[in-house]
Amino acid sequence: MKGHQGSLYDDYDDVVTWFQSPIQGLPQTIDQRSDKGHGRIESREVTVCQEIGWLQDRHPKWAHLHSIIKVCSHRQAGDKESHENRYYISS
């Protein structure tokens, strides 16, 4: 979900808010991976939620969505560390 996606990005806060405080009982898939190479270590945690009726109800233009996704990345290269959260939608 990026700023150049117009009205889709306007609803970005709903997706971020859900991942920051997930509704109990909704199924989620979580996968964790780590990679080493080129002098860095990167780990990613991917969370997928397919029970998004609540989001489709709030935003009817998203009626064909199948899931929302969050990727948390942590990268360490030497003394430098960075963290990034990215959000995606899937139809």
PDB file of N, CA and C in Angstrom:
ATOM      1  N   MET A   1       0.853  -1.163   0.000  1.00  0.00           N
ATOM      2  CA  MET A   1       0.000   0.000   0.000  1.00  0.00           C
ATOM      3  C   MET A   1       0.898   1.225   0.000  1.00  0.00           C
ATOM      4  N   LYS A   2       0.838   1.996  -1.081  1.00  0.00           N
ATOM      5  CA  LYS A   2       1.716   3.147  -1.228  1.00  0.00           C
ATOM      6  C   LYS A   2       0.915   4.402  -1.503  1.00  0.00           C
ATOM      7  N   GLY A   3       1.552   5.533  -1.279  1.00  0.00           N
ATOM      8  CA  GLY A   3       0.898   6.810  -1.460  1.00  0.00           C
ATOM      9  C   GLY A   3       0.366   7.058  -2.855  1.00  0.00           C
ATOM     10  N   HIS A   4       1.001   6.509  -3.883  1.00  0.00           N
ATOM     11  CA  HIS A   4       0.545   6.771  -5.247  1.00  0.00           C
ATOM     12  C   HIS A   4      -0.697   5.959  -5.626  1.00  0.00           C
ATOM     13  N   GLN A   5      -1.252   5.186  -4.694  1.00  0.00           N
ATOM     14  CA  GLN A   5      -2.427   4.382  -4.987  1.00  0.00           C
ATOM     15  C   GLN A   5      -3.730   5.122  -4.683  1.00  0.00           C
ATOM     16  N   GLY A   6      -3.665   6.430  -4.511  1.00  0.00           N
ATOM     17  CA  GLY A   6      -4.848   7.267  -4.378  1.00  0.00           C
ATOM     18  C   GLY A   6      -5.753   6.868  -3.235  1.00  0.00           C
ATOM     19  N   SER A   7      -7.020   6.596  -3.542  1.00  0.00           N
ATOM     20  CA  SER A   7      -8.019   6.345  -2.506  1.00  0.00           C
ATOM     21  C   SER A   7      -7.708   5.088  -1.705  1.00  0.00           C
ATOM     22  N   LEU A   8      -7.002   4.150  -2.295  1.00  0.00           N
ATOM     23  CA  LEU A   8      -6.618   2.946  -1.559  1.00  0.00           C
ATOM     24  C   LEU A   8      -5.734   3.329  -0.377  1.00  0.00           C
ATOM     25  N   TYR A   9      -4.803   4.213  -0.591  1.00  0.00           N
ATOM     26  CA  TYR A   9      -3.913   4.633   0.478  1.00  0.00           C
ATOM     27  C   TYR A   9      -4.663   5.404   1.554  1.00  0.00           C
ATOM     28  N   ASP A  10      -5.752   6.057   1.200  1.00  0.00           N
ATOM     29  CA  ASP A  10      -6.546   6.794   2.184  1.00  0.00           C
ATOM     30  C   ASP A  10      -7.057   5.860   3.281  1.00  0.00           C
ATOM     31  N   ASP A  11      -7.263   4.582   2.979  1.00  0.00           N
ATOM     32  CA  ASP A  11      -7.782   3.610   3.932  1.00  0.00           C
ATOM     33  C   ASP A  11      -6.669   2.796   4.599  1.00  0.00           C
ATOM     34  N   TYR A  12      -5.448   3.189   4.366  1.00  0.00           N
ATOM     35  CA  TYR A  12      -4.263   2.543   4.909  1.00  0.00           C
ATOM     36  C   TYR A  12      -4.319   2.423   6.433  1.00  0.00           C
ATOM     37  N   ASP A  13      -4.820   3.460   7.096  1.00  0.00           N
ATOM     38  CA  ASP A  13      -4.864   3.474   8.562  1.00  0.00           C
ATOM     39  C   ASP A  13      -5.675   2.310   9.121  1.00  0.00           C
ATOM     40  N   ASP A  14      -6.744   1.907   8.441  1.00  0.00           N
ATOM     41  CA  ASP A  14      -7.538   0.773   8.926  1.00  0.00           C
ATOM     42  C   ASP A  14      -6.714  -0.506   8.953  1.00  0.00           C
ATOM     43  N   VAL A  15      -5.915  -0.721   7.932  1.00  0.00           N
ATOM     44  CA  VAL A  15      -5.085  -1.927   7.861  1.00  0.00           C
ATOM     45  C   VAL A  15      -3.997  -1.868   8.932  1.00  0.00           C
ATOM     46  N   VAL A  16      -3.320  -0.754   9.055  1.00  0.00           N
ATOM     47  CA  VAL A  16      -2.258  -0.601  10.056  1.00  0.00           C
ATOM     48  C   VAL A  16      -2.828  -0.777  11.458  1.00  0.00           C
ATOM     49  N   THR A  17      -3.967  -0.141  11.737  1.00  0.00           N
ATOM     50  CA  THR A  17      -4.589  -0.249  13.056  1.00  0.00           C
ATOM     51  C   THR A  17      -4.925  -1.694  13.378  1.00  0.00           C
ATOM     52  N   TRP A  18      -5.445  -2.433  12.409  1.00  0.00           N
ATOM     53  CA  TRP A  18      -5.793  -3.833  12.656  1.00  0.00           C
ATOM     54  C   TRP A  18      -4.551  -4.631  13.046  1.00  0.00           C
ATOM     55  N   PHE A  19      -3.461  -4.439  12.326  1.00  0.00           N
ATOM     56  CA  PHE A  19      -2.246  -5.197  12.643  1.00  0.00           C
ATOM     57  C   PHE A  19      -1.622  -4.756  13.964  1.00  0.00           C
ATOM     58  N   GLN A  20      -1.810  -3.509  14.362  1.00  0.00           N
ATOM     59  CA  GLN A  20      -1.261  -3.050  15.633  1.00  0.00           C
ATOM     60  C   GLN A  20      -2.036  -3.597  16.820  1.00  0.00           C
ATOM     61  N   SER A  21      -3.312  -3.876  16.642  1.00  0.00           N
ATOM     62  CA  SER A  21      -4.116  -4.442  17.717  1.00  0.00           C
ATOM     63  C   SER A  21      -5.115  -5.432  17.111  1.00  0.00           C
ATOM     64  N   PRO A  22      -4.611  -6.615  16.715  1.00  0.00           N
ATOM     65  CA  PRO A  22      -5.465  -7.580  16.030  1.00  0.00           C
ATOM     66  C   PRO A  22      -6.698  -7.967  16.851  1.00  0.00           C
ATOM     67  N   ILE A  23      -7.789  -8.130  16.162  1.00  0.00           N
ATOM     68  CA  ILE A  23      -9.022  -8.592  16.779  1.00  0.00           C
ATOM     69  C   ILE A  23      -8.836 -10.052  17.160  1.00  0.00           C
ATOM     70  N   GLN A  24      -9.073 -10.359  18.419  1.00  0.00           N
ATOM     71  CA  GLN A  24      -8.895 -11.727  18.891  1.00  0.00           C
ATOM     72  C   GLN A  24      -9.830 -12.680  18.154  1.00  0.00           C
ATOM     73  N   GLY A  25      -9.332 -13.851  17.847  1.00  0.00           N
ATOM     74  CA  GLY A  25     -10.155 -14.881  17.236  1.00  0.00           C
ATOM     75  C   GLY A  25     -10.089 -14.908  15.719  1.00  0.00           C
ATOM     76  N   LEU A  26      -9.523 -13.871  15.072  1.00  0.00           N
ATOM     77  CA  LEU A  26      -9.420 -13.920  13.620  1.00  0.00           C
ATOM     78  C   LEU A  26      -8.201 -14.742  13.231  1.00  0.00           C
ATOM     79  N   PRO A  27      -8.370 -15.669  12.308  1.00  0.00           N
ATOM     80  CA  PRO A  27      -7.240 -16.511  11.900  1.00  0.00           C
ATOM     81  C   PRO A  27      -6.154 -15.691  11.215  1.00  0.00           C
ATOM     82  N   GLN A  28      -4.939 -16.007  11.538  1.00  0.00           N
ATOM     83  CA  GLN A  28      -3.779 -15.370  10.933  1.00  0.00           C
ATOM     84  C   GLN A  28      -2.765 -16.446  10.594  1.00  0.00           C
ATOM     85  N   THR A  29      -2.008 -16.204   9.561  1.00  0.00           N
ATOM     86  CA  THR A  29      -0.889 -17.065   9.212  1.00  0.00           C
ATOM     87  C   THR A  29       0.369 -16.249   9.433  1.00  0.00           C
ATOM     88  N   ILE A  30       1.314 -16.816  10.165  1.00  0.00           N
ATOM     89  CA  ILE A  30       2.565 -16.109  10.434  1.00  0.00           C
ATOM     90  C   ILE A  30       3.724 -16.992   9.990  1.00  0.00           C
ATOM     91  N   ASP A  31       4.655 -16.385   9.258  1.00  0.00           N
ATOM     92  CA  ASP A  31       5.840 -17.099   8.785  1.00  0.00           C
ATOM     93  C   ASP A  31       7.054 -16.236   9.104  1.00  0.00           C
ATOM     94  N   GLN A  32       8.130 -16.874   9.532  1.00  0.00           N
ATOM     95  CA  GLN A  32       9.351 -16.146   9.838  1.00  0.00           C
ATOM     96  C   GLN A  32      10.497 -16.739   9.023  1.00  0.00           C
ATOM     97  N   ARG A  33      11.321 -15.845   8.471  1.00  0.00           N
ATOM     98  CA  ARG A  33      12.463 -16.270   7.663  1.00  0.00           C
ATOM     99  C   ARG A  33      13.659 -15.391   7.978  1.00  0.00           C
ATOM    100  N   SER A  34      14.840 -15.966   7.825  1.00  0.00           N
ATOM    101  CA  SER A  34      16.086 -15.208   7.990  1.00  0.00           C
ATOM    102  C   SER A  34      17.012 -15.520   6.828  1.00  0.00           C
ATOM    103  N   ASP A  35      17.743 -14.497   6.395  1.00  0.00           N
ATOM    104  CA  ASP A  35      18.714 -14.634   5.308  1.00  0.00           C
ATOM    105  C   ASP A  35      20.018 -13.994   5.731  1.00  0.00           C
ATOM    106  N   LYS A  36      21.129 -14.590   5.287  1.00  0.00           N
ATOM    107  CA  LYS A  36      22.454 -14.023   5.522  1.00  0.00           C
ATOM    108  C   LYS A  36      23.133 -13.904   4.173  1.00  0.00           C
ATOM    109  N   GLY A  37      23.853 -12.821   3.994  1.00  0.00           N
ATOM    110  CA  GLY A  37      24.613 -12.658   2.765  1.00  0.00           C
ATOM    111  C   GLY A  37      25.006 -11.214   2.556  1.00  0.00           C
ATOM    112  N   HIS A  38      26.066 -11.011   1.773  1.00  0.00           N
ATOM    113  CA  HIS A  38      26.548  -9.679   1.447  1.00  0.00           C
ATOM    114  C   HIS A  38      26.802  -8.854   2.699  1.00  0.00           C
ATOM    115  N   GLY A  39      27.266  -9.504   3.766  1.00  0.00           N
ATOM    116  CA  GLY A  39      27.621  -8.799   4.987  1.00  0.00           C
ATOM    117  C   GLY A  39      26.449  -8.340   5.842  1.00  0.00           C
ATOM    118  N   ARG A  40      25.280  -8.906   5.608  1.00  0.00           N
ATOM    119  CA  ARG A  40      24.116  -8.486   6.396  1.00  0.00           C
ATOM    120  C   ARG A  40      23.273  -9.704   6.776  1.00  0.00           C
ATOM    121  N   ILE A  41      22.494  -9.509   7.802  1.00  0.00           N
ATOM    122  CA  ILE A  41      21.519 -10.507   8.243  1.00  0.00           C
ATOM    123  C   ILE A  41      20.155  -9.833   8.189  1.00  0.00           C
ATOM    124  N   GLU A  42      19.213 -10.478   7.543  1.00  0.00           N
ATOM    125  CA  GLU A  42      17.870  -9.915   7.459  1.00  0.00           C
ATOM    126  C   GLU A  42      16.863 -10.975   7.880  1.00  0.00           C
ATOM    127  N   SER A  43      15.946 -10.567   8.741  1.00  0.00           N
ATOM    128  CA  SER A  43      14.872 -11.467   9.142  1.00  0.00           C
ATOM    129  C   SER A  43      13.545 -10.791   8.827  1.00  0.00           C
ATOM    130  N   ARG A  44      12.570 -11.607   8.443  1.00  0.00           N
ATOM    131  CA  ARG A  44      11.248 -11.095   8.099  1.00  0.00           C
ATOM    132  C   ARG A  44      10.189 -11.938   8.774  1.00  0.00           C
ATOM    133  N   GLU A  45       9.170 -11.268   9.262  1.00  0.00           N
ATOM    134  CA  GLU A  45       7.994 -11.939   9.794  1.00  0.00           C
ATOM    135  C   GLU A  45       6.813 -11.485   8.953  1.00  0.00           C
ATOM    136  N   VAL A  46       6.116 -12.451   8.363  1.00  0.00           N
ATOM    137  CA  VAL A  46       4.972 -12.156   7.496  1.00  0.00           C
ATOM    138  C   VAL A  46       3.703 -12.613   8.195  1.00  0.00           C
ATOM    139  N   THR A  47       2.741 -11.702   8.311  1.00  0.00           N
ATOM    140  CA  THR A  47       1.447 -12.009   8.906  1.00  0.00           C
ATOM    141  C   THR A  47       0.380 -11.782   7.850  1.00  0.00           C
ATOM    142  N   VAL A  48      -0.483 -12.788   7.660  1.00  0.00           N
ATOM    143  CA  VAL A  48      -1.549 -12.724   6.661  1.00  0.00           C
ATOM    144  C   VAL A  48      -2.883 -12.951   7.359  1.00  0.00           C
ATOM    145  N   CYS A  49      -3.863 -12.117   7.043  1.00  0.00           N
ATOM    146  CA  CYS A  49      -5.215 -12.299   7.554  1.00  0.00           C
ATOM    147  C   CYS A  49      -6.167 -12.362   6.366  1.00  0.00           C
ATOM    148  N   GLN A  50      -6.931 -13.446   6.292  1.00  0.00           N
ATOM    149  CA  GLN A  50      -7.891 -13.623   5.201  1.00  0.00           C
ATOM    150  C   GLN A  50      -9.324 -13.350   5.640  1.00  0.00           C
ATOM    151  N   GLU A  51      -9.550 -13.163   6.919  1.00  0.00           N
ATOM    152  CA  GLU A  51     -10.888 -12.859   7.430  1.00  0.00           C
ATOM    153  C   GLU A  51     -11.046 -11.342   7.467  1.00  0.00           C
ATOM    154  N   ILE A  52     -11.361 -10.758   6.320  1.00  0.00           N
ATOM    155  CA  ILE A  52     -11.374  -9.297   6.221  1.00  0.00           C
ATOM    156  C   ILE A  52     -12.756  -8.741   5.871  1.00  0.00           C
ATOM    157  N   GLY A  53     -13.809  -9.458   6.216  1.00  0.00           N
ATOM    158  CA  GLY A  53     -15.163  -8.957   5.991  1.00  0.00           C
ATOM    159  C   GLY A  53     -15.377  -7.594   6.605  1.00  0.00           C
ATOM    160  N   TRP A  54     -14.801  -7.364   7.787  1.00  0.00           N
ATOM    161  CA  TRP A  54     -14.926  -6.073   8.469  1.00  0.00           C
ATOM    162  C   TRP A  54     -14.375  -4.942   7.608  1.00  0.00           C
ATOM    163  N   LEU A  55     -13.280  -5.218   6.879  1.00  0.00           N
ATOM    164  CA  LEU A  55     -12.654  -4.208   6.034  1.00  0.00           C
ATOM    165  C   LEU A  55     -13.489  -3.981   4.776  1.00  0.00           C
ATOM    166  N   GLN A  56     -14.007  -5.053   4.212  1.00  0.00           N
ATOM    167  CA  GLN A  56     -14.855  -4.937   3.029  1.00  0.00           C
ATOM    168  C   GLN A  56     -16.149  -4.191   3.358  1.00  0.00           C
ATOM    169  N   ASP A  57     -16.687  -4.386   4.564  1.00  0.00           N
ATOM    170  CA  ASP A  57     -17.887  -3.666   4.985  1.00  0.00           C
ATOM    171  C   ASP A  57     -17.619  -2.163   5.091  1.00  0.00           C
ATOM    172  N   ARG A  58     -16.446  -1.822   5.623  1.00  0.00           N
ATOM    173  CA  ARG A  58     -16.093  -0.403   5.796  1.00  0.00           C
ATOM    174  C   ARG A  58     -15.730   0.261   4.471  1.00  0.00           C
ATOM    175  N   HIS A  59     -15.215  -0.536   3.535  1.00  0.00           N
ATOM    176  CA  HIS A  59     -14.719  -0.004   2.264  1.00  0.00           C
ATOM    177  C   HIS A  59     -15.243  -0.872   1.115  1.00  0.00           C
ATOM    178  N   PRO A  60     -16.483  -0.655   0.693  1.00  0.00           N
ATOM    179  CA  PRO A  60     -17.101  -1.502  -0.335  1.00  0.00           C
ATOM    180  C   PRO A  60     -16.307  -1.576  -1.640  1.00  0.00           C
ATOM    181  N   LYS A  61     -15.519  -0.554  -1.935  1.00  0.00           N
ATOM    182  CA  LYS A  61     -14.732  -0.591  -3.172  1.00  0.00           C
ATOM    183  C   LYS A  61     -13.646  -1.683  -3.120  1.00  0.00           C
ATOM    184  N   TRP A  62     -13.409  -2.253  -1.930  1.00  0.00           N
ATOM    185  CA  TRP A  62     -12.431  -3.319  -1.774  1.00  0.00           C
ATOM    186  C   TRP A  62     -13.120  -4.680  -1.742  1.00  0.00           C
ATOM    187  N   ALA A  63     -14.257  -4.814  -2.351  1.00  0.00           N
ATOM    188  CA  ALA A  63     -15.066  -6.033  -2.260  1.00  0.00           C
ATOM    189  C   ALA A  63     -14.335  -7.281  -2.742  1.00  0.00           C
ATOM    190  N   HIS A  64     -13.366  -7.150  -3.625  1.00  0.00           N
ATOM    191  CA  HIS A  64     -12.684  -8.316  -4.185  1.00  0.00           C
ATOM    192  C   HIS A  64     -11.366  -8.659  -3.479  1.00  0.00           C
ATOM    193  N   LEU A  65     -11.112  -8.010  -2.368  1.00  0.00           N
ATOM    194  CA  LEU A  65      -9.899  -8.348  -1.618  1.00  0.00           C
ATOM    195  C   LEU A  65     -10.004  -9.740  -1.029  1.00  0.00           C
ATOM    196  N   HIS A  66      -8.851 -10.390  -0.942  1.00  0.00           N
ATOM    197  CA  HIS A  66      -8.794 -11.727  -0.364  1.00  0.00           C
ATOM    198  C   HIS A  66      -8.075 -11.713   0.987  1.00  0.00           C
ATOM    199  N   SER A  67      -7.059 -10.836   1.127  1.00  0.00           N
ATOM    200  CA  SER A  67      -6.305 -10.815   2.374  1.00  0.00           C
ATOM    201  C   SER A  67      -5.556  -9.501   2.529  1.00  0.00           C
ATOM    202  N   ILE A  68      -5.124  -9.249   3.773  1.00  0.00           N
ATOM    203  CA  ILE A  68      -4.218  -8.150   4.075  1.00  0.00           C
ATOM    204  C   ILE A  68      -2.957  -8.770   4.661  1.00  0.00           C
ATOM    205  N   ILE A  69      -1.836  -8.129   4.410  1.00  0.00           N
ATOM    206  CA  ILE A  69      -0.539  -8.716   4.739  1.00  0.00           C
ATOM    207  C   ILE A  69       0.353  -7.651   5.368  1.00  0.00           C
ATOM    208  N   LYS A  70       1.102  -8.063   6.385  1.00  0.00           N
ATOM    209  CA  LYS A  70       2.113  -7.196   7.003  1.00  0.00           C
ATOM    210  C   LYS A  70       3.445  -7.935   6.957  1.00  0.00           C
ATOM    211  N   VAL A  71       4.488  -7.243   6.523  1.00  0.00           N
ATOM    212  CA  VAL A  71       5.841  -7.794   6.525  1.00  0.00           C
ATOM    213  C   VAL A  71       6.689  -6.909   7.421  1.00  0.00           C
ATOM    214  N   CYS A  72       7.216  -7.493   8.497  1.00  0.00           N
ATOM    215  CA  CYS A  72       8.128  -6.797   9.408  1.00  0.00           C
ATOM    216  C   CYS A  72       9.542  -7.250   9.065  1.00  0.00           C
ATOM    217  N   SER A  73      10.391  -6.305   8.692  1.00  0.00           N
ATOM    218  CA  SER A  73      11.771  -6.630   8.333  1.00  0.00           C
ATOM    219  C   SER A  73      12.730  -6.033   9.339  1.00  0.00           C
ATOM    220  N   HIS A  74      13.748  -6.801   9.654  1.00  0.00           N
ATOM    221  CA  HIS A  74      14.829  -6.334  10.522  1.00  0.00           C
ATOM    222  C   HIS A  74      16.128  -6.658   9.801  1.00  0.00           C
ATOM    223  N   ARG A  75      16.957  -5.646   9.600  1.00  0.00           N
ATOM    224  CA  ARG A  75      18.207  -5.840   8.883  1.00  0.00           C
ATOM    225  C   ARG A  75      19.359  -5.349   9.740  1.00  0.00           C
ATOM    226  N   GLN A  76      20.413  -6.157   9.779  1.00  0.00           N
ATOM    227  CA  GLN A  76      21.630  -5.772  10.491  1.00  0.00           C
ATOM    228  C   GLN A  76      22.799  -5.929   9.531  1.00  0.00           C
ATOM    229  N   ALA A  77      23.515  -4.837   9.334  1.00  0.00           N
ATOM    230  CA  ALA A  77      24.703  -4.828   8.484  1.00  0.00           C
ATOM    231  C   ALA A  77      25.802  -4.123   9.260  1.00  0.00           C
ATOM    232  N   GLY A  78      26.716  -4.915   9.802  1.00  0.00           N
ATOM    233  CA  GLY A  78      27.766  -4.341  10.637  1.00  0.00           C
ATOM    234  C   GLY A  78      27.163  -3.747  11.890  1.00  0.00           C
ATOM    235  N   ASP A  79      27.439  -2.473  12.136  1.00  0.00           N
ATOM    236  CA  ASP A  79      26.918  -1.786  13.323  1.00  0.00           C
ATOM    237  C   ASP A  79      25.555  -1.147  13.081  1.00  0.00           C
ATOM    238  N   LYS A  80      25.058  -1.213  11.867  1.00  0.00           N
ATOM    239  CA  LYS A  80      23.801  -0.544  11.536  1.00  0.00           C
ATOM    240  C   LYS A  80      22.639  -1.529  11.567  1.00  0.00           C
ATOM    241  N   GLU A  81      21.537  -1.082  12.170  1.00  0.00           N
ATOM    242  CA  GLU A  81      20.305  -1.879  12.206  1.00  0.00           C
ATOM    243  C   GLU A  81      19.165  -1.038  11.673  1.00  0.00           C
ATOM    244  N   SER A  82      18.224  -1.708  11.013  1.00  0.00           N
ATOM    245  CA  SER A  82      17.028  -0.998  10.552  1.00  0.00           C
ATOM    246  C   SER A  82      15.818  -1.916  10.694  1.00  0.00           C
ATOM    247  N   HIS A  83      14.682  -1.290  10.909  1.00  0.00           N
ATOM    248  CA  HIS A  83      13.400  -1.993  11.030  1.00  0.00           C
ATOM    249  C   HIS A  83      12.425  -1.321  10.069  1.00  0.00           C
ATOM    250  N   GLU A  84      11.589  -2.134   9.433  1.00  0.00           N
ATOM    251  CA  GLU A  84      10.605  -1.584   8.510  1.00  0.00           C
ATOM    252  C   GLU A  84       9.357  -2.472   8.519  1.00  0.00           C
ATOM    253  N   ASN A  85       8.201  -1.840   8.512  1.00  0.00           N
ATOM    254  CA  ASN A  85       6.927  -2.539   8.352  1.00  0.00           C
ATOM    255  C   ASN A  85       6.333  -2.138   7.018  1.00  0.00           C
ATOM    256  N   ARG A  86       5.922  -3.149   6.233  1.00  0.00           N
ATOM    257  CA  ARG A  86       5.284  -2.893   4.946  1.00  0.00           C
ATOM    258  C   ARG A  86       3.925  -3.596   4.958  1.00  0.00           C
ATOM    259  N   TYR A  87       2.956  -2.988   4.301  1.00  0.00           N
ATOM    260  CA  TYR A  87       1.593  -3.511   4.283  1.00  0.00           C
ATOM    261  C   TYR A  87       1.163  -3.744   2.845  1.00  0.00           C
ATOM    262  N   TYR A  88       0.429  -4.838   2.634  1.00  0.00           N
ATOM    263  CA  TYR A  88      -0.006  -5.226   1.302  1.00  0.00           C
ATOM    264  C   TYR A  88      -1.463  -5.678   1.345  1.00  0.00           C
ATOM    265  N   ILE A  89      -2.088  -5.629   0.191  1.00  0.00           N
ATOM    266  CA  ILE A  89      -3.414  -6.225   0.023  1.00  0.00           C
ATOM    267  C   ILE A  89      -3.294  -7.249  -1.090  1.00  0.00           C
ATOM    268  N   SER A  90      -4.201  -8.222  -1.081  1.00  0.00           N
ATOM    269  CA  SER A  90      -4.165  -9.270  -2.087  1.00  0.00           C
ATOM    270  C   SER A  90      -5.591  -9.580  -2.535  1.00  0.00           C
ATOM    271  N   SER A  91      -5.769  -9.732  -3.836  1.00  0.00           N
ATOM    272  CA  SER A  91      -7.093 -10.082  -4.346  1.00  0.00           C
ATOM    273  C   SER A  91      -7.084 -11.520  -4.855  1.00  0.00           C
TER     274      SER A  91
END
